Structures are given as structure tokens and as C-alpha cells.
């Protein structure tokens, strides 16, 4: 299973949105859930989107169903 890193940028190496960048954000203080932000470029994005899930369990299921392999960036 993929290690989920919150609040870090990562490059999607395989799976849905391959070649895009992803950031998993803990928004529990505001919405009670988690956001997944996806963009095609970190400096000048022209495509992307976001997804919201209700809890950590749903976040893990979302990441797993996306079949992602992610290289987490420093």
C-alpha cells in the first residue's frame, strides 16, 4: 500500500493522472475531511482539480482506487 504523505507535493508516476502532481491536505479543522489537489505543473498549472473525502479511511480508499505510485518531493 502507498504511504500517504499529508501536506507534501508528489509526482504521480503511475495510475490515474500519471505525470501530474498531487498534494493531500488535512482540512479537518475547516471541513472535517481531506482534500486531494491535482495539477499538471507546479509553477504554471493549466489543468487539474480537487477531490474531497469525509475522513482518513475514505482518503486511503481514494488513493488506493487511483492506483497511484507517487514520488514524494522534498
N, C-alpha and C. Protein backbone atom coordinates (compact mmCIF):
# COMPACT_ATOMS: atom_id res chain seq x y z
N UNK A 1 0.84 -1.20 0.00
CA UNK A 1 0.00 0.00 0.00
C UNK A 1 0.88 1.25 0.00
N UNK A 2 0.47 2.24 -0.73
CA UNK A 2 1.19 3.50 -0.85
C UNK A 2 1.19 4.24 0.48
N UNK A 3 2.34 4.76 0.87
CA UNK A 3 2.43 5.59 2.07
C UNK A 3 1.83 6.96 1.76
N UNK A 4 0.84 7.35 2.54
CA UNK A 4 0.18 8.64 2.35
C UNK A 4 0.95 9.72 3.11
N UNK A 5 1.35 10.73 2.38
CA UNK A 5 2.07 11.87 2.96
C UNK A 5 1.15 13.09 2.88
N UNK A 6 0.79 13.64 4.02
CA UNK A 6 -0.05 14.84 4.04
C UNK A 6 0.80 16.08 3.92
N UNK A 7 0.27 17.09 3.26
CA UNK A 7 0.89 18.41 3.14
C UNK A 7 2.22 18.40 2.38
N UNK A 8 2.44 17.39 1.53
CA UNK A 8 3.64 17.32 0.69
C UNK A 8 3.23 17.21 -0.76
N UNK A 9 4.04 17.77 -1.63
CA UNK A 9 3.83 17.62 -3.07
C UNK A 9 4.41 16.28 -3.50
N UNK A 10 3.76 15.65 -4.45
CA UNK A 10 4.27 14.41 -5.01
C UNK A 10 3.99 14.34 -6.49
N UNK A 11 4.84 13.63 -7.21
CA UNK A 11 4.64 13.41 -8.65
C UNK A 11 4.01 12.03 -8.81
N UNK A 12 2.93 11.96 -9.57
CA UNK A 12 2.25 10.70 -9.82
C UNK A 12 2.98 9.98 -10.95
N UNK A 13 3.62 8.86 -10.61
CA UNK A 13 4.43 8.12 -11.57
C UNK A 13 3.61 7.08 -12.33
N UNK A 14 2.50 6.62 -11.74
CA UNK A 14 1.65 5.61 -12.37
C UNK A 14 0.24 5.73 -11.80
N UNK A 15 -0.73 5.29 -12.59
CA UNK A 15 -2.12 5.35 -12.17
C UNK A 15 -2.84 6.51 -12.83
N UNK A 16 -4.03 6.80 -12.34
CA UNK A 16 -4.79 7.93 -12.87
C UNK A 16 -4.03 9.23 -12.66
N UNK A 17 -4.07 10.10 -13.63
CA UNK A 17 -3.35 11.38 -13.61
C UNK A 17 -1.83 11.20 -13.65
N UNK A 18 -1.35 10.13 -14.27
CA UNK A 18 0.09 9.91 -14.39
C UNK A 18 0.76 11.14 -14.98
N UNK A 19 1.88 11.56 -14.37
CA UNK A 19 2.61 12.73 -14.82
C UNK A 19 2.19 14.02 -14.12
N UNK A 20 1.08 13.99 -13.42
CA UNK A 20 0.60 15.16 -12.67
C UNK A 20 1.24 15.20 -11.28
N UNK A 21 0.97 16.29 -10.58
CA UNK A 21 1.44 16.45 -9.21
C UNK A 21 0.24 16.40 -8.28
N UNK A 22 0.45 15.91 -7.07
CA UNK A 22 -0.64 15.75 -6.12
C UNK A 22 -0.21 16.28 -4.75
N UNK A 23 -1.18 16.79 -4.02
CA UNK A 23 -0.97 17.19 -2.62
C UNK A 23 -2.21 16.74 -1.84
N UNK A 24 -1.99 16.03 -0.75
CA UNK A 24 -3.07 15.58 0.12
C UNK A 24 -3.10 16.51 1.32
N UNK A 25 -4.24 17.14 1.53
CA UNK A 25 -4.36 18.20 2.55
C UNK A 25 -5.37 17.81 3.62
N UNK A 26 -4.94 17.87 4.87
CA UNK A 26 -5.83 17.63 6.02
C UNK A 26 -6.62 18.91 6.27
N UNK A 27 -7.90 18.87 5.97
CA UNK A 27 -8.77 20.03 6.14
C UNK A 27 -9.77 19.80 7.27
N UNK A 28 -9.40 18.92 8.20
CA UNK A 28 -10.34 18.52 9.26
C UNK A 28 -10.74 19.68 10.17
N UNK A 29 -9.90 20.69 10.30
CA UNK A 29 -10.26 21.83 11.14
C UNK A 29 -11.34 22.71 10.51
N UNK A 30 -11.46 22.67 9.18
CA UNK A 30 -12.42 23.52 8.48
C UNK A 30 -13.64 22.72 8.02
N UNK A 31 -13.39 21.68 7.21
CA UNK A 31 -14.50 20.92 6.63
C UNK A 31 -14.72 19.56 7.29
N UNK A 32 -13.75 19.15 8.11
CA UNK A 32 -13.83 17.84 8.75
C UNK A 32 -13.26 16.72 7.91
N UNK A 33 -12.77 17.03 6.70
CA UNK A 33 -12.28 15.99 5.81
C UNK A 33 -10.90 16.28 5.26
N UNK A 34 -10.66 15.71 4.07
CA UNK A 34 -9.36 15.80 3.41
C UNK A 34 -9.57 16.19 1.96
N UNK A 35 -8.67 17.04 1.45
CA UNK A 35 -8.66 17.41 0.04
C UNK A 35 -7.50 16.72 -0.66
N UNK A 36 -7.72 16.39 -1.92
CA UNK A 36 -6.66 15.94 -2.81
C UNK A 36 -6.61 16.96 -3.94
N UNK A 37 -5.47 17.65 -4.05
CA UNK A 37 -5.27 18.65 -5.10
C UNK A 37 -4.37 18.04 -6.17
N UNK A 38 -4.76 18.18 -7.44
CA UNK A 38 -4.00 17.61 -8.55
C UNK A 38 -3.79 18.71 -9.59
N UNK A 39 -2.52 18.87 -10.03
CA UNK A 39 -2.19 19.85 -11.07
C UNK A 39 -1.19 19.25 -12.05
N UNK A 40 -1.16 19.79 -13.25
CA UNK A 40 -0.24 19.29 -14.27
C UNK A 40 1.15 19.91 -14.17
N UNK A 41 1.28 21.04 -13.49
CA UNK A 41 2.57 21.72 -13.35
C UNK A 41 2.56 22.50 -12.04
N UNK A 42 3.68 22.46 -11.32
CA UNK A 42 3.72 23.14 -10.02
C UNK A 42 3.87 24.66 -10.14
N UNK A 43 4.53 25.14 -11.18
CA UNK A 43 4.76 26.58 -11.28
C UNK A 43 3.72 27.31 -12.12
N UNK A 44 3.21 26.66 -13.17
CA UNK A 44 2.21 27.30 -14.02
C UNK A 44 1.16 26.27 -14.45
N UNK A 45 0.30 25.85 -13.52
CA UNK A 45 -0.67 24.81 -13.87
C UNK A 45 -1.71 25.29 -14.88
N UNK A 46 -2.05 24.40 -15.81
CA UNK A 46 -3.09 24.69 -16.78
C UNK A 46 -4.22 23.68 -16.71
N UNK A 47 -4.03 22.63 -15.92
CA UNK A 47 -5.05 21.60 -15.78
C UNK A 47 -4.95 21.00 -14.39
N UNK A 48 -6.06 20.53 -13.88
CA UNK A 48 -6.06 19.88 -12.57
C UNK A 48 -7.44 19.92 -11.95
N UNK A 49 -7.46 19.64 -10.68
CA UNK A 49 -8.72 19.64 -9.97
C UNK A 49 -8.51 19.26 -8.52
N UNK A 50 -9.61 19.10 -7.82
CA UNK A 50 -9.52 18.69 -6.43
C UNK A 50 -10.66 17.74 -6.10
N UNK A 51 -10.42 16.93 -5.09
CA UNK A 51 -11.41 15.98 -4.59
C UNK A 51 -11.46 16.13 -3.08
N UNK A 52 -12.63 15.92 -2.51
CA UNK A 52 -12.80 16.00 -1.06
C UNK A 52 -13.38 14.68 -0.58
N UNK A 53 -12.85 14.19 0.55
CA UNK A 53 -13.41 13.00 1.19
C UNK A 53 -13.64 13.30 2.66
N UNK A 54 -14.53 12.55 3.26
CA UNK A 54 -15.02 12.84 4.61
C UNK A 54 -14.05 12.50 5.74
N UNK A 55 -13.21 11.45 5.53
CA UNK A 55 -12.32 11.03 6.63
C UNK A 55 -11.08 10.33 6.09
N UNK A 56 -10.18 9.95 6.99
CA UNK A 56 -8.91 9.33 6.61
C UNK A 56 -9.14 8.00 5.89
N UNK A 57 -10.10 7.24 6.35
CA UNK A 57 -10.41 5.95 5.72
C UNK A 57 -10.81 6.14 4.25
N UNK A 58 -11.64 7.15 3.98
CA UNK A 58 -12.04 7.43 2.60
C UNK A 58 -10.87 7.95 1.78
N UNK A 59 -9.98 8.72 2.40
CA UNK A 59 -8.79 9.20 1.71
C UNK A 59 -7.93 8.02 1.27
N UNK A 60 -7.70 7.08 2.18
CA UNK A 60 -6.90 5.90 1.85
C UNK A 60 -7.56 5.09 0.73
N UNK A 61 -8.88 4.94 0.77
CA UNK A 61 -9.60 4.22 -0.28
C UNK A 61 -9.50 4.95 -1.62
N UNK A 62 -9.59 6.27 -1.60
CA UNK A 62 -9.48 7.07 -2.83
C UNK A 62 -8.10 6.90 -3.46
N UNK A 63 -7.05 7.00 -2.64
CA UNK A 63 -5.68 6.85 -3.14
C UNK A 63 -5.48 5.44 -3.70
N UNK A 64 -5.96 4.44 -3.00
CA UNK A 64 -5.81 3.07 -3.46
C UNK A 64 -6.56 2.84 -4.78
N UNK A 65 -7.77 3.35 -4.90
CA UNK A 65 -8.55 3.16 -6.12
C UNK A 65 -7.95 3.91 -7.31
N UNK A 66 -7.16 4.94 -7.04
CA UNK A 66 -6.50 5.69 -8.11
C UNK A 66 -5.28 4.95 -8.66
N UNK A 67 -4.87 3.88 -7.99
CA UNK A 67 -3.75 3.05 -8.41
C UNK A 67 -2.46 3.85 -8.55
N UNK A 68 -2.26 4.77 -7.64
CA UNK A 68 -1.12 5.67 -7.73
C UNK A 68 0.18 5.06 -7.23
N UNK A 69 1.23 5.43 -7.94
CA UNK A 69 2.60 5.29 -7.45
C UNK A 69 3.09 6.73 -7.40
N UNK A 70 3.47 7.20 -6.23
CA UNK A 70 3.82 8.62 -6.05
C UNK A 70 5.26 8.75 -5.55
N UNK A 71 5.99 9.65 -6.18
CA UNK A 71 7.31 10.04 -5.69
C UNK A 71 7.11 11.32 -4.89
N UNK A 72 7.27 11.24 -3.56
CA UNK A 72 7.07 12.41 -2.71
C UNK A 72 8.27 13.33 -2.83
N UNK A 73 8.03 14.62 -3.02
CA UNK A 73 9.07 15.61 -3.23
C UNK A 73 9.42 16.30 -1.91
N UNK A 74 10.64 16.75 -1.83
CA UNK A 74 11.07 17.49 -0.63
C UNK A 74 10.62 18.92 -0.66
